[in-house]
């Protein structure tokens, strides 16, 4: 039993803190939904950037990320690593 407790302490989940930007639940839902859409658009923009395709699709996905990431930063839920130094060792 002691071994499993030791492994549970080493997994790093105790060092992650959850930060909710608002207490209003519908705004949190909207912020998290905007965060998912903006993150997928950012990945698509990076893929187009690696291919050297800077046309309309790249500009569209860049603008989608730019405008939909703002509600996520205002109302979304963040997970922050609180103790990075102990994870490095």
N, C-alpha and C. Protein backbone atom coordinates (compact mmCIF):
# COMPACT_ATOMS: atom_id res chain seq x y z
N UNK A 1 0.80 -1.19 0.00
CA UNK A 1 0.00 0.00 0.00
C UNK A 1 0.85 1.27 0.00
N UNK A 2 1.97 1.23 0.69
CA UNK A 2 2.80 2.43 0.74
C UNK A 2 3.37 2.78 -0.62
N UNK A 3 3.68 1.78 -1.42
CA UNK A 3 4.24 2.04 -2.74
C UNK A 3 3.26 2.79 -3.63
N UNK A 4 2.00 2.42 -3.59
CA UNK A 4 1.02 3.10 -4.42
C UNK A 4 0.80 4.54 -3.95
N UNK A 5 0.90 4.79 -2.66
CA UNK A 5 0.77 6.15 -2.14
C UNK A 5 1.95 7.00 -2.60
N UNK A 6 3.13 6.41 -2.61
CA UNK A 6 4.31 7.14 -3.05
C UNK A 6 4.20 7.49 -4.54
N UNK A 7 3.70 6.57 -5.34
CA UNK A 7 3.54 6.85 -6.76
C UNK A 7 2.47 7.91 -6.99
N UNK A 8 1.44 7.92 -6.17
CA UNK A 8 0.39 8.94 -6.32
C UNK A 8 0.95 10.33 -6.04
N UNK A 9 1.92 10.43 -5.16
CA UNK A 9 2.51 11.73 -4.86
C UNK A 9 3.47 12.19 -5.95
N UNK A 10 3.98 11.28 -6.75
CA UNK A 10 4.97 11.63 -7.77
C UNK A 10 4.36 11.92 -9.14
N UNK A 11 3.06 11.74 -9.30
CA UNK A 11 2.48 11.89 -10.62
C UNK A 11 2.34 13.34 -11.08
N UNK A 12 2.40 14.31 -10.18
CA UNK A 12 2.36 15.71 -10.56
C UNK A 12 0.97 16.32 -10.57
N UNK A 13 -0.06 15.52 -10.33
CA UNK A 13 -1.41 16.08 -10.36
C UNK A 13 -1.69 16.97 -9.15
N UNK A 14 -0.98 16.80 -8.07
CA UNK A 14 -1.16 17.67 -6.92
C UNK A 14 -0.58 19.05 -7.12
N UNK A 15 0.21 19.23 -8.17
CA UNK A 15 0.87 20.50 -8.43
C UNK A 15 0.14 21.34 -9.47
N UNK A 16 -0.99 20.86 -9.94
CA UNK A 16 -1.76 21.60 -10.93
C UNK A 16 -2.90 22.30 -10.23
N UNK A 17 -3.00 23.60 -10.44
CA UNK A 17 -4.10 24.35 -9.83
C UNK A 17 -5.05 24.84 -10.92
N UNK A 18 -6.32 24.82 -10.60
CA UNK A 18 -7.37 25.19 -11.54
C UNK A 18 -7.79 26.64 -11.26
N UNK A 19 -7.74 27.49 -12.29
CA UNK A 19 -8.11 28.89 -12.15
C UNK A 19 -9.30 29.17 -13.06
N UNK A 20 -10.41 29.50 -12.44
CA UNK A 20 -11.61 29.85 -13.19
C UNK A 20 -11.74 31.37 -13.18
N UNK A 21 -11.84 31.95 -14.36
CA UNK A 21 -11.83 33.39 -14.49
C UNK A 21 -13.14 34.04 -14.03
N UNK A 22 -14.25 33.31 -14.06
CA UNK A 22 -15.53 33.87 -13.65
C UNK A 22 -16.33 32.82 -12.89
N UNK A 23 -17.24 33.28 -12.06
CA UNK A 23 -18.11 32.38 -11.33
C UNK A 23 -19.44 32.19 -12.04
N UNK A 24 -19.68 32.94 -13.11
CA UNK A 24 -20.92 32.82 -13.88
C UNK A 24 -20.76 31.64 -14.82
N UNK A 25 -21.56 30.61 -14.60
CA UNK A 25 -21.39 29.35 -15.31
C UNK A 25 -21.59 29.45 -16.82
N UNK A 26 -22.63 30.12 -17.34
CA UNK A 26 -22.77 30.21 -18.80
C UNK A 26 -21.61 30.94 -19.48
N UNK A 27 -21.06 31.96 -18.82
CA UNK A 27 -19.89 32.64 -19.40
C UNK A 27 -18.69 31.70 -19.43
N UNK A 28 -18.54 30.86 -18.41
CA UNK A 28 -17.45 29.90 -18.39
C UNK A 28 -17.60 28.89 -19.52
N UNK A 29 -18.84 28.45 -19.78
CA UNK A 29 -19.08 27.53 -20.90
C UNK A 29 -18.71 28.18 -22.23
N UNK A 30 -19.14 29.43 -22.40
CA UNK A 30 -18.82 30.15 -23.65
C UNK A 30 -17.32 30.33 -23.79
N UNK A 31 -16.66 30.71 -22.70
CA UNK A 31 -15.21 30.90 -22.75
C UNK A 31 -14.47 29.62 -23.08
N UNK A 32 -14.87 28.50 -22.47
CA UNK A 32 -14.19 27.23 -22.74
C UNK A 32 -14.48 26.74 -24.16
N UNK A 33 -15.70 26.97 -24.67
CA UNK A 33 -16.01 26.60 -26.05
C UNK A 33 -15.18 27.42 -27.03
N UNK A 34 -15.08 28.71 -26.77
CA UNK A 34 -14.24 29.57 -27.63
C UNK A 34 -12.78 29.14 -27.56
N UNK A 35 -12.34 28.68 -26.41
CA UNK A 35 -10.98 28.21 -26.27
C UNK A 35 -10.70 26.98 -27.11
N UNK A 36 -11.66 26.05 -27.16
CA UNK A 36 -11.48 24.85 -27.98
C UNK A 36 -11.41 25.19 -29.46
N UNK A 37 -12.32 26.06 -29.91
CA UNK A 37 -12.33 26.44 -31.33
C UNK A 37 -11.06 27.21 -31.69
N UNK A 38 -10.64 28.13 -30.82
CA UNK A 38 -9.44 28.91 -31.13
C UNK A 38 -8.19 28.05 -31.12
N UNK A 39 -8.13 27.06 -30.24
CA UNK A 39 -6.95 26.19 -30.21
C UNK A 39 -6.86 25.35 -31.48
N UNK A 40 -8.00 24.84 -31.97
CA UNK A 40 -7.94 24.05 -33.20
C UNK A 40 -7.59 24.93 -34.40
N UNK A 41 -8.05 26.17 -34.40
CA UNK A 41 -7.68 27.09 -35.49
C UNK A 41 -6.21 27.44 -35.44
N UNK A 42 -5.66 27.55 -34.23
CA UNK A 42 -4.23 27.83 -34.11
C UNK A 42 -3.40 26.67 -34.64
N UNK A 43 -3.83 25.45 -34.36
CA UNK A 43 -3.11 24.28 -34.88
C UNK A 43 -3.18 24.24 -36.40
N UNK A 44 -4.34 24.54 -36.97
CA UNK A 44 -4.47 24.57 -38.43
C UNK A 44 -3.60 25.67 -39.04
N UNK A 45 -3.52 26.81 -38.38
CA UNK A 45 -2.66 27.89 -38.88
C UNK A 45 -1.19 27.48 -38.83
N UNK A 46 -0.79 26.77 -37.77
CA UNK A 46 0.60 26.28 -37.70
C UNK A 46 0.88 25.28 -38.81
N UNK A 47 -0.09 24.40 -39.10
CA UNK A 47 0.11 23.44 -40.18
C UNK A 47 0.27 24.15 -41.52
N UNK A 48 -0.55 25.16 -41.75
CA UNK A 48 -0.43 25.91 -43.00
C UNK A 48 0.88 26.69 -43.05
N UNK A 49 1.35 27.15 -41.92
CA UNK A 49 2.61 27.88 -41.85
C UNK A 49 3.79 26.97 -42.19
N UNK A 50 3.74 25.73 -41.71
CA UNK A 50 4.83 24.79 -42.00
C UNK A 50 4.89 24.45 -43.47
N UNK A 51 3.73 24.43 -44.14
CA UNK A 51 3.69 24.14 -45.56
C UNK A 51 4.04 25.35 -46.42
N UNK A 52 4.14 26.52 -45.80
CA UNK A 52 4.45 27.73 -46.54
C UNK A 52 3.23 28.31 -47.25
N UNK A 53 2.04 27.87 -46.85
CA UNK A 53 0.80 28.35 -47.46
C UNK A 53 0.26 29.50 -46.62
N UNK A 54 0.48 30.72 -47.07
CA UNK A 54 0.05 31.91 -46.34
C UNK A 54 -1.13 32.59 -47.03
N UNK A 55 -2.01 31.81 -47.61
CA UNK A 55 -3.15 32.35 -48.34
C UNK A 55 -4.31 32.69 -47.42
N UNK A 56 -5.50 32.60 -48.01
CA UNK A 56 -6.71 32.99 -47.28
C UNK A 56 -7.01 32.06 -46.11
N UNK A 57 -6.74 30.77 -46.25
CA UNK A 57 -7.00 29.84 -45.15
C UNK A 57 -6.14 30.16 -43.94
N UNK A 58 -4.88 30.49 -44.16
CA UNK A 58 -3.99 30.86 -43.06
C UNK A 58 -4.48 32.13 -42.37
N UNK A 59 -4.86 33.12 -43.15
CA UNK A 59 -5.35 34.37 -42.57
C UNK A 59 -6.66 34.15 -41.82
N UNK A 60 -7.54 33.30 -42.37
CA UNK A 60 -8.81 33.01 -41.71
C UNK A 60 -8.59 32.35 -40.35
N UNK A 61 -7.76 31.31 -40.31
CA UNK A 61 -7.52 30.61 -39.04
C UNK A 61 -6.77 31.49 -38.04
N UNK A 62 -5.92 32.37 -38.53
CA UNK A 62 -5.23 33.30 -37.63
C UNK A 62 -6.20 34.29 -37.00
N UNK A 63 -7.12 34.78 -37.79
CA UNK A 63 -8.11 35.73 -37.25
C UNK A 63 -9.10 35.04 -36.33
N UNK A 64 -9.47 33.80 -36.64
CA UNK A 64 -10.36 33.05 -35.75
C UNK A 64 -9.69 32.88 -34.39
N UNK A 65 -8.41 32.52 -34.39
CA UNK A 65 -7.70 32.39 -33.12
C UNK A 65 -7.62 33.73 -32.39
N UNK A 66 -7.33 34.78 -33.13
CA UNK A 66 -7.16 36.10 -32.51
C UNK A 66 -8.44 36.55 -31.79
N UNK A 67 -9.58 36.36 -32.45
CA UNK A 67 -10.82 36.88 -31.88
C UNK A 67 -11.50 35.92 -30.91
N UNK A 68 -11.32 34.63 -31.07
CA UNK A 68 -11.97 33.68 -30.16
C UNK A 68 -11.11 33.35 -28.94
N UNK A 69 -9.85 33.72 -28.96
CA UNK A 69 -9.01 33.48 -27.79
C UNK A 69 -9.28 34.53 -26.70
N UNK A 70 -9.77 35.70 -27.08
CA UNK A 70 -10.06 36.74 -26.09
C UNK A 70 -11.14 36.32 -25.10
N UNK A 71 -12.30 35.77 -25.55
CA UNK A 71 -13.28 35.31 -24.55
C UNK A 71 -12.74 34.20 -23.66
N UNK A 72 -11.85 33.38 -24.22
CA UNK A 72 -11.25 32.32 -23.39
C UNK A 72 -10.37 32.91 -22.31
N UNK A 73 -9.60 33.94 -22.64
CA UNK A 73 -8.75 34.55 -21.61
C UNK A 73 -9.58 35.33 -20.59
N UNK A 74 -10.75 35.83 -21.00
CA UNK A 74 -11.60 36.56 -20.06
C UNK A 74 -12.38 35.63 -19.14
N UNK A 75 -12.95 34.54 -19.70
CA UNK A 75 -13.91 33.73 -18.94
C UNK A 75 -13.55 32.26 -18.83
N UNK A 76 -12.52 31.79 -19.49
CA UNK A 76 -12.22 30.37 -19.54
C UNK A 76 -11.57 29.84 -18.27
N UNK A 77 -11.33 28.54 -18.26
CA UNK A 77 -10.71 27.86 -17.14
C UNK A 77 -9.27 27.51 -17.51
N UNK A 78 -8.33 27.93 -16.67
CA UNK A 78 -6.91 27.65 -16.88
C UNK A 78 -6.43 26.62 -15.87
N UNK A 79 -5.46 25.82 -16.26
CA UNK A 79 -4.78 24.91 -15.36
C UNK A 79 -3.32 25.33 -15.33
N UNK A 80 -2.83 25.68 -14.16
CA UNK A 80 -1.48 26.22 -14.02
C UNK A 80 -0.64 25.29 -13.16
N UNK A 81 0.57 25.02 -13.60
CA UNK A 81 1.53 24.25 -12.82
C UNK A 81 2.08 25.14 -11.72
N UNK A 82 1.91 24.73 -10.46
CA UNK A 82 2.29 25.61 -9.37
C UNK A 82 3.74 25.44 -8.93
N UNK A 83 4.28 24.23 -9.03
CA UNK A 83 5.63 24.00 -8.55
C UNK A 83 6.44 23.32 -9.65
N UNK A 84 7.06 24.12 -10.51
CA UNK A 84 7.79 23.60 -11.66
C UNK A 84 9.16 23.05 -11.22
N UNK A 85 9.79 23.65 -10.21
CA UNK A 85 11.13 23.24 -9.80
C UNK A 85 11.18 21.80 -9.33
N UNK A 86 10.15 21.33 -8.64
CA UNK A 86 10.18 19.97 -8.13
C UNK A 86 9.97 18.95 -9.25
N UNK A 87 9.35 19.36 -10.36
CA UNK A 87 9.17 18.45 -11.49
C UNK A 87 10.44 18.27 -12.29
N UNK A 88 11.32 19.26 -12.29
CA UNK A 88 12.54 19.17 -13.06
C UNK A 88 13.55 18.21 -12.45
N UNK A 89 13.52 18.05 -11.15
CA UNK A 89 14.49 17.16 -10.52
C UNK A 89 14.04 15.72 -10.49
